Amino acid sequence: MDFYWIKTNKIIKKLFSNQVWDIPNTENKVYLTFDDGPTPEVTEWVLTVLQKNKIKATFFCIGDNIRKYPALFQKVISEGHSVGNHTFNHLQGWKTTDKVYLENTSRCDEEIHNSDTNRLLSNIFRPPYGKIRLSQSAKLRKKGYKIIMWDVLSADFDTKISKEQCLENVIKNTTQGSIIVFHDSKKAFQNLEYALPRAIEFLKEKGFQFGKIV
């Protein structure tokens, strides 16, 4: 399995400062984000948890999933959450040419903005796996995208870790301004189902507020 950071190293943030790793603020806000949806049942469950807790979050969606489940995508929007581009086919940037990567991102963008209702949605982008070439990042930023990375990774996608470890990854590493990554995917659901409501409860008890990324 590839190595990944649970808490993103400050040196990495400094080296790649053109990408957004956290959002400093004075309101004690943190930012929940969900990658890889919309996914039937899983995304619906996430929306129910967020609604119950009166939280707005940010969903980085795969274009092909938007195409397959347009009503579910519209539900994310109608409930007041932000949505972002996660490529059409979940491409790994390091293994993809710039031309193919940008074309695939554009295909996802078309799915996101395919109605008048969606035309004013923000242009935020998260690279799948967090792997994007400097040239790809530069070209996307030139097109007006903000590249949103993360400060805290729950690692809910990792089937080799326990659901308790997934929760611990979040509650031990979240600080003011943290961008936290979960996944609304079937693969992640066993860890997500356990960790998300407990993480929200813990963060609320610690006085954190929740914001969405625009």
Protein backbone atom coordinates (compact mmCIF):
# COMPACT_ATOMS: atom_id res chain seq x y z
CA MET A 1 0.00 0.00 0.00
CA ASP A 2 1.20 3.54 -0.74
CA PHE A 3 2.46 5.64 2.13
CA TYR A 4 0.20 8.52 3.14
CA TRP A 5 0.26 11.31 5.70
CA ILE A 6 -2.46 11.34 8.37
CA LYS A 7 -1.44 14.85 9.42
CA THR A 8 0.08 16.73 6.51
CA ASN A 9 3.66 17.77 7.16
CA LYS A 10 4.30 21.52 7.43
CA ILE A 11 7.21 21.23 4.99
CA ILE A 12 4.89 19.74 2.35
CA LYS A 13 2.45 22.60 2.87
CA LYS A 14 5.23 25.14 2.43
CA LEU A 15 6.71 23.46 -0.64
CA PHE A 16 3.32 23.29 -2.35
CA SER A 17 1.84 26.53 -1.05
CA ASN A 18 -0.14 27.14 -4.25
CA GLN A 19 -2.45 24.38 -3.06
CA VAL A 20 -4.83 24.78 -0.13
CA TRP A 21 -4.00 22.50 2.80
CA ASP A 22 -5.92 24.21 5.60
CA ILE A 23 -8.02 27.34 6.05
CA PRO A 24 -6.83 29.63 8.86
CA ASN A 25 -9.71 31.39 10.58
CA THR A 26 -10.67 33.06 13.85
CA GLU A 27 -13.96 31.19 14.31
CA ASN A 28 -12.49 27.84 15.38
CA LYS A 29 -13.78 26.30 12.15
CA VAL A 30 -12.80 22.97 10.63
CA TYR A 31 -13.87 21.63 7.25
CA LEU A 32 -15.32 18.17 6.60
CA THR A 33 -14.82 16.93 3.05
CA PHE A 34 -15.99 13.77 1.30
CA ASP A 35 -14.35 12.26 -1.78
CA ASP A 36 -15.44 9.82 -4.51
CA GLY A 37 -19.24 10.16 -4.46
CA PRO A 38 -22.02 10.49 -5.03
CA THR A 39 -22.60 6.87 -4.01
CA PRO A 40 -26.11 5.49 -3.43
CA GLU A 41 -26.84 4.72 0.22
CA VAL A 42 -23.43 5.93 1.42
CA THR A 43 -23.82 9.57 0.36
CA GLU A 44 -27.44 9.52 1.54
CA TRP A 45 -26.27 8.27 4.94
CA VAL A 46 -23.63 11.03 5.12
CA LEU A 47 -26.24 13.66 4.27
CA THR A 48 -28.50 12.37 7.04
CA VAL A 49 -25.66 12.59 9.58
CA LEU A 50 -24.76 16.11 8.46
CA GLN A 51 -28.37 17.27 8.54
CA LYS A 52 -28.89 15.83 12.01
CA ASN A 53 -25.87 17.79 13.23
CA LYS A 54 -26.71 20.96 11.23
CA ILE A 55 -23.36 20.81 9.43
CA LYS A 56 -22.49 21.94 5.93
CA ALA A 57 -19.61 20.13 4.23
CA THR A 58 -17.80 19.83 0.90
CA PHE A 59 -18.15 16.91 -1.52
CA PHE A 60 -15.48 16.27 -4.16
CA CYS A 61 -17.39 14.27 -6.75
CA ILE A 62 -16.34 11.92 -9.53
CA GLY A 63 -17.91 13.01 -12.81
CA ASP A 64 -18.96 9.51 -13.83
CA ASN A 65 -20.80 9.11 -10.51
CA ILE A 66 -22.58 12.44 -11.05
CA ARG A 67 -23.64 11.14 -14.48
CA LYS A 68 -24.92 7.89 -12.99
CA TYR A 69 -26.68 9.43 -9.98
CA PRO A 70 -27.79 12.95 -10.92
CA ALA A 71 -30.65 13.07 -8.41
CA LEU A 72 -28.31 12.23 -5.56
CA PHE A 73 -25.85 14.88 -6.74
CA GLN A 74 -28.66 17.44 -6.81
CA LYS A 75 -29.62 16.41 -3.28
CA VAL A 76 -26.10 17.26 -2.07
CA ILE A 77 -26.47 20.72 -3.60
CA SER A 78 -30.06 21.30 -2.47
CA GLU A 79 -29.08 20.59 1.14
CA GLY A 80 -26.58 23.45 1.00
CA HIS A 81 -23.26 21.68 0.67
CA SER A 82 -20.37 22.67 -1.57
CA VAL A 83 -19.31 20.44 -4.43
CA GLY A 84 -15.96 20.15 -6.15
CA ASN A 85 -14.30 18.39 -9.07
CA HIS A 86 -12.52 15.06 -8.48
CA THR A 87 -11.96 14.24 -12.19
CA PHE A 88 -14.39 12.19 -14.27
CA ASN A 89 -12.67 8.82 -13.79
CA HIS A 90 -10.67 9.25 -10.55
CA LEU A 91 -7.37 9.65 -12.39
CA GLN A 92 -4.00 9.46 -10.70
CA GLY A 93 -2.19 12.56 -11.93
CA TRP A 94 1.34 11.18 -11.69
CA LYS A 95 0.42 8.40 -14.12
CA THR A 96 -1.54 10.58 -16.54
CA THR A 97 -0.47 13.04 -19.21
CA ASP A 98 -1.43 16.66 -18.69
CA LYS A 99 -3.65 16.61 -21.76
CA VAL A 100 -5.67 13.60 -20.62
CA TYR A 101 -5.84 14.86 -17.03
CA LEU A 102 -7.20 18.27 -18.01
CA GLU A 103 -9.66 16.78 -20.48
CA ASN A 104 -10.92 14.39 -17.81
CA THR A 105 -11.28 17.24 -15.33
CA SER A 106 -13.24 19.21 -17.93
CA ARG A 107 -15.61 16.26 -18.41
CA CYS A 108 -16.31 16.29 -14.69
CA ASP A 109 -16.81 20.04 -14.80
CA GLU A 110 -19.44 19.61 -17.51
CA GLU A 111 -21.35 17.17 -15.30
CA ILE A 112 -21.17 19.57 -12.34
CA HIS A 113 -22.36 22.57 -14.35
CA ASN A 114 -24.81 20.85 -16.71
CA SER A 115 -27.85 22.87 -15.64
CA ASP A 116 -28.71 26.50 -14.99
CA THR A 117 -29.15 25.60 -11.33
CA ASN A 118 -25.50 24.62 -11.07
CA ARG A 119 -23.89 27.30 -13.21
CA LEU A 120 -22.62 29.35 -10.25
CA LEU A 121 -21.03 26.46 -8.36
CA SER A 122 -17.48 27.18 -7.22
CA ASN A 123 -14.43 25.88 -9.07
CA ILE A 124 -12.70 23.80 -6.43
CA PHE A 125 -10.70 20.71 -7.32
CA ARG A 126 -9.16 17.86 -5.38
CA PRO A 127 -6.75 15.50 -7.12
CA PRO A 128 -7.54 11.81 -6.58
CA TYR A 129 -4.98 10.19 -4.27
CA GLY A 130 -3.58 13.69 -3.68
CA LYS A 131 -1.26 13.02 -6.60
CA ILE A 132 -0.98 15.80 -9.16
CA ARG A 133 1.95 17.00 -11.24
CA LEU A 134 3.14 20.57 -10.77
CA SER A 135 2.31 21.24 -14.42
CA GLN A 136 -1.23 19.91 -13.99
CA SER A 137 -1.74 22.01 -10.87
CA ALA A 138 -0.47 25.13 -12.63
CA LYS A 139 -2.72 24.61 -15.65
CA LEU A 140 -5.80 24.00 -13.51
CA ARG A 141 -5.09 27.07 -11.39
CA LYS A 142 -4.70 29.09 -14.58
CA LYS A 143 -8.21 27.93 -15.51
CA GLY A 144 -9.48 29.35 -12.21
CA TYR A 145 -9.52 26.25 -10.03
CA LYS A 146 -8.48 26.25 -6.39
CA ILE A 147 -6.60 23.05 -5.63
CA ILE A 148 -7.90 21.79 -2.29
CA MET A 149 -5.72 19.26 -0.49
CA TRP A 150 -6.04 18.41 3.23
CA ASP A 151 -4.59 18.76 6.68
CA VAL A 152 -6.05 15.57 8.19
CA LEU A 153 -6.69 12.25 6.46
CA SER A 154 -9.09 9.85 8.18
CA ALA A 155 -7.77 6.95 6.05
CA ASP A 156 -11.28 5.48 6.05
CA PHE A 157 -10.46 3.97 2.64
CA ASP A 158 -7.76 1.76 4.18
CA THR A 159 -9.36 -1.62 4.86
CA LYS A 160 -6.28 -2.66 6.86
CA ILE A 161 -6.94 -0.20 9.68
CA SER A 162 -9.63 -0.52 12.32
CA LYS A 163 -12.62 1.76 12.57
CA GLU A 164 -11.25 2.90 15.94
CA GLN A 165 -7.96 3.90 14.31
CA CYS A 166 -9.86 5.82 11.64
CA LEU A 167 -11.62 7.82 14.36
CA GLU A 168 -8.37 8.38 16.21
CA ASN A 169 -6.73 9.71 13.05
CA VAL A 170 -9.26 12.53 13.04
CA ILE A 171 -9.67 13.41 16.70
CA LYS A 172 -5.94 13.37 17.50
CA ASN A 173 -4.87 15.52 14.55
CA THR A 174 -7.61 18.08 13.93
CA THR A 175 -6.79 21.67 14.81
CA GLN A 176 -8.41 25.01 13.98
CA GLY A 177 -8.58 25.40 10.21
CA SER A 178 -8.08 21.71 9.42
CA ILE A 179 -9.47 20.31 6.18
CA ILE A 180 -10.50 16.73 7.02
CA VAL A 181 -10.91 13.99 4.42
CA PHE A 182 -13.50 11.21 4.51
CA HIS A 183 -14.82 9.20 1.56
CA ASP A 184 -18.49 8.60 0.70
CA SER A 185 -17.65 5.33 -1.04
CA LYS A 186 -18.65 1.72 -0.44
CA LYS A 187 -15.04 0.75 0.26
CA ALA A 188 -14.75 3.30 3.05
CA PHE A 189 -18.19 2.86 4.54
CA GLN A 190 -17.36 0.41 7.32
CA ASN A 191 -14.84 2.83 8.81
CA LEU A 192 -16.84 5.92 7.87
CA GLU A 193 -20.04 4.69 9.51
CA TYR A 194 -18.23 4.30 12.82
CA ALA A 195 -15.88 7.26 12.70
CA LEU A 196 -17.90 10.14 11.22
CA PRO A 197 -20.65 10.57 13.87
CA ARG A 198 -18.16 10.03 16.69
CA ALA A 199 -15.68 12.49 15.20
CA ILE A 200 -18.41 15.11 14.84
CA GLU A 201 -19.50 14.58 18.44
CA PHE A 202 -15.92 14.89 19.70
CA LEU A 203 -15.15 18.00 17.65
CA LYS A 204 -18.36 19.69 18.77
CA GLU A 205 -17.50 18.97 22.40
CA LYS A 206 -14.11 20.61 21.80
CA GLY A 207 -15.87 23.75 20.57
CA PHE A 208 -15.13 23.44 16.86
CA GLN A 209 -17.48 24.92 14.27
CA PHE A 210 -17.92 23.41 10.80
CA GLY A 211 -17.58 25.25 7.50
CA LYS A 212 -17.79 24.40 3.81
CA ILE A 213 -15.18 25.25 1.19
CA VAL A 214 -16.13 27.60 -1.64
